[in-house]
């Protein structure tokens, strides 16, 4: 299925957000995630199912001022 990840269409066979992050190379990185505009905490990612056309945002924390 195709999902929109940070504005780019990506093909994935992942059934949930946690699996998609692994497949996209984020592994155990510390990131914030949103699915279709709704924040998804790390503990909820395995239970967040993906569907064709879903929008996923992955944000890494930034430091500095």
N, C-alpha and C. Protein backbone atom coordinates (compact mmCIF):
# COMPACT_ATOMS: atom_id res chain seq x y z
N UNK A 1 0.84 -1.17 0.00
CA UNK A 1 0.00 0.00 0.00
C UNK A 1 0.88 1.24 0.00
N UNK A 2 0.33 2.35 -0.43
CA UNK A 2 1.07 3.62 -0.43
C UNK A 2 0.60 4.49 0.73
N UNK A 3 1.59 5.06 1.44
CA UNK A 3 1.30 6.02 2.50
C UNK A 3 2.16 7.26 2.24
N UNK A 4 1.71 8.39 2.74
CA UNK A 4 2.43 9.64 2.57
C UNK A 4 3.26 9.88 3.82
N UNK A 5 4.59 9.84 3.68
CA UNK A 5 5.49 10.00 4.82
C UNK A 5 6.26 11.30 4.65
N UNK A 6 6.02 12.23 5.55
CA UNK A 6 6.69 13.54 5.49
C UNK A 6 6.60 14.16 4.10
N UNK A 7 5.45 14.02 3.46
CA UNK A 7 5.20 14.64 2.17
C UNK A 7 5.61 13.84 0.96
N UNK A 8 6.16 12.65 1.15
CA UNK A 8 6.59 11.81 0.03
C UNK A 8 5.85 10.47 0.07
N UNK A 9 5.35 10.04 -1.08
CA UNK A 9 4.66 8.75 -1.14
C UNK A 9 5.66 7.63 -1.01
N UNK A 10 5.35 6.68 -0.14
CA UNK A 10 6.22 5.51 0.09
C UNK A 10 5.36 4.25 0.01
N UNK A 11 5.93 3.21 -0.53
CA UNK A 11 5.27 1.90 -0.60
C UNK A 11 5.66 1.12 0.64
N UNK A 12 4.69 0.49 1.29
CA UNK A 12 4.98 -0.31 2.48
C UNK A 12 4.02 -1.49 2.59
N UNK A 13 4.50 -2.53 3.22
CA UNK A 13 3.67 -3.68 3.53
C UNK A 13 3.35 -3.71 5.01
N UNK A 14 3.78 -2.67 5.73
CA UNK A 14 3.59 -2.60 7.19
C UNK A 14 2.10 -2.47 7.52
N UNK A 15 1.70 -3.19 8.55
CA UNK A 15 0.30 -3.15 8.97
C UNK A 15 0.03 -2.08 10.02
N UNK A 16 1.09 -1.63 10.71
CA UNK A 16 0.89 -0.64 11.76
C UNK A 16 2.03 0.37 11.74
N UNK A 17 1.86 1.44 12.50
CA UNK A 17 2.83 2.53 12.50
C UNK A 17 4.20 2.08 12.99
N UNK A 18 4.27 1.26 14.02
CA UNK A 18 5.56 0.79 14.54
C UNK A 18 6.33 0.02 13.48
N UNK A 19 5.65 -0.86 12.77
CA UNK A 19 6.30 -1.65 11.71
C UNK A 19 6.75 -0.75 10.56
N UNK A 20 5.96 0.24 10.23
CA UNK A 20 6.33 1.17 9.16
C UNK A 20 7.59 1.93 9.52
N UNK A 21 7.69 2.39 10.77
CA UNK A 21 8.88 3.11 11.19
C UNK A 21 10.13 2.24 11.09
N UNK A 22 10.01 0.97 11.46
CA UNK A 22 11.13 0.04 11.32
C UNK A 22 11.52 -0.10 9.85
N UNK A 23 10.52 -0.30 8.99
CA UNK A 23 10.78 -0.50 7.57
C UNK A 23 11.37 0.75 6.91
N UNK A 24 11.03 1.92 7.43
CA UNK A 24 11.52 3.18 6.86
C UNK A 24 12.89 3.56 7.39
N UNK A 25 13.45 2.74 8.29
CA UNK A 25 14.80 2.97 8.78
C UNK A 25 14.90 3.80 10.04
N UNK A 26 13.79 4.06 10.70
CA UNK A 26 13.84 4.84 11.94
C UNK A 26 14.24 3.98 13.13
N UNK A 27 14.04 2.68 13.03
CA UNK A 27 14.45 1.75 14.09
C UNK A 27 14.04 2.22 15.46
N UNK A 28 15.02 2.35 16.35
CA UNK A 28 14.75 2.78 17.72
C UNK A 28 15.04 4.26 17.93
N UNK A 29 15.07 5.03 16.85
CA UNK A 29 15.32 6.47 16.96
C UNK A 29 14.24 7.14 17.80
N UNK A 30 14.64 8.19 18.49
CA UNK A 30 13.68 8.98 19.27
C UNK A 30 13.02 9.96 18.31
N UNK A 31 11.76 9.72 18.01
CA UNK A 31 11.00 10.57 17.10
C UNK A 31 9.59 10.77 17.64
N UNK A 32 8.96 11.83 17.19
CA UNK A 32 7.54 12.05 17.45
C UNK A 32 6.80 11.68 16.17
N UNK A 33 5.62 11.10 16.32
CA UNK A 33 4.87 10.67 15.15
C UNK A 33 3.43 11.16 15.18
N UNK A 34 2.91 11.37 13.98
CA UNK A 34 1.50 11.71 13.83
C UNK A 34 0.95 10.87 12.68
N UNK A 35 -0.27 10.44 12.84
CA UNK A 35 -0.96 9.66 11.81
C UNK A 35 -2.23 10.42 11.44
N UNK A 36 -2.30 10.85 10.19
CA UNK A 36 -3.45 11.64 9.72
C UNK A 36 -3.73 12.85 10.60
N UNK A 37 -2.64 13.51 11.02
CA UNK A 37 -2.76 14.73 11.79
C UNK A 37 -2.95 14.58 13.28
N UNK A 38 -2.98 13.34 13.77
CA UNK A 38 -3.16 13.07 15.20
C UNK A 38 -1.88 12.50 15.79
N UNK A 39 -1.41 13.10 16.88
CA UNK A 39 -0.22 12.62 17.57
C UNK A 39 -0.40 11.17 18.00
N UNK A 40 0.63 10.34 17.79
CA UNK A 40 0.61 8.95 18.22
C UNK A 40 1.83 8.72 19.12
N UNK A 41 1.61 8.52 20.43
CA UNK A 41 2.75 8.26 21.33
C UNK A 41 3.41 6.92 21.00
N UNK A 42 4.67 6.78 21.39
CA UNK A 42 5.43 5.57 21.10
C UNK A 42 4.71 4.31 21.56
N UNK A 43 4.11 4.35 22.73
CA UNK A 43 3.43 3.17 23.28
C UNK A 43 2.22 2.74 22.46
N UNK A 44 1.67 3.65 21.66
CA UNK A 44 0.47 3.34 20.86
C UNK A 44 0.78 2.97 19.42
N UNK A 45 2.02 3.10 19.00
CA UNK A 45 2.36 2.84 17.59
C UNK A 45 2.06 1.42 17.12
N UNK A 46 2.33 0.37 17.94
CA UNK A 46 2.01 -0.98 17.47
C UNK A 46 0.51 -1.20 17.25
N UNK A 47 -0.32 -0.44 17.93
CA UNK A 47 -1.77 -0.59 17.80
C UNK A 47 -2.40 0.41 16.86
N UNK A 48 -1.56 1.17 16.12
CA UNK A 48 -2.07 2.17 15.18
C UNK A 48 -2.02 1.60 13.76
N UNK A 49 -3.15 1.06 13.29
CA UNK A 49 -3.15 0.42 11.97
C UNK A 49 -2.99 1.44 10.85
N UNK A 50 -2.38 1.00 9.76
CA UNK A 50 -2.21 1.83 8.58
C UNK A 50 -3.17 1.39 7.49
N UNK A 51 -3.59 2.36 6.68
CA UNK A 51 -4.46 2.09 5.55
C UNK A 51 -3.93 2.85 4.33
N UNK A 52 -4.30 2.41 3.17
CA UNK A 52 -3.91 3.06 1.93
C UNK A 52 -4.18 4.57 2.01
N UNK A 53 -3.16 5.36 1.67
CA UNK A 53 -3.32 6.81 1.62
C UNK A 53 -3.14 7.54 2.94
N UNK A 54 -2.84 6.82 4.02
CA UNK A 54 -2.63 7.48 5.31
C UNK A 54 -1.47 8.46 5.23
N UNK A 55 -1.54 9.52 6.05
CA UNK A 55 -0.48 10.52 6.13
C UNK A 55 0.28 10.31 7.44
N UNK A 56 1.57 10.08 7.33
CA UNK A 56 2.43 9.87 8.50
C UNK A 56 3.45 11.00 8.55
N UNK A 57 3.59 11.60 9.72
CA UNK A 57 4.63 12.61 9.93
C UNK A 57 5.58 12.07 10.99
N UNK A 58 6.87 12.16 10.71
CA UNK A 58 7.91 11.71 11.64
C UNK A 58 8.82 12.90 11.89
N UNK A 59 8.93 13.30 13.15
CA UNK A 59 9.73 14.46 13.52
C UNK A 59 10.78 14.09 14.54
N UNK A 60 12.02 14.47 14.27
CA UNK A 60 13.11 14.24 15.21
C UNK A 60 13.28 15.49 16.06
N UNK A 61 13.58 15.32 17.35
CA UNK A 61 13.78 16.48 18.20
C UNK A 61 15.02 17.26 17.77
N UNK A 62 14.95 18.57 17.92
CA UNK A 62 16.08 19.42 17.56
C UNK A 62 16.58 20.15 18.80
N UNK A 63 17.87 20.37 18.86
CA UNK A 63 18.45 21.10 19.98
C UNK A 63 19.05 22.39 19.46
N UNK A 64 19.21 23.31 20.34
CA UNK A 64 19.82 24.57 19.97
C UNK A 64 18.88 25.73 20.20
N UNK A 65 19.27 26.87 19.85
CA UNK A 65 18.45 28.02 20.14
C UNK A 65 18.45 28.95 19.05
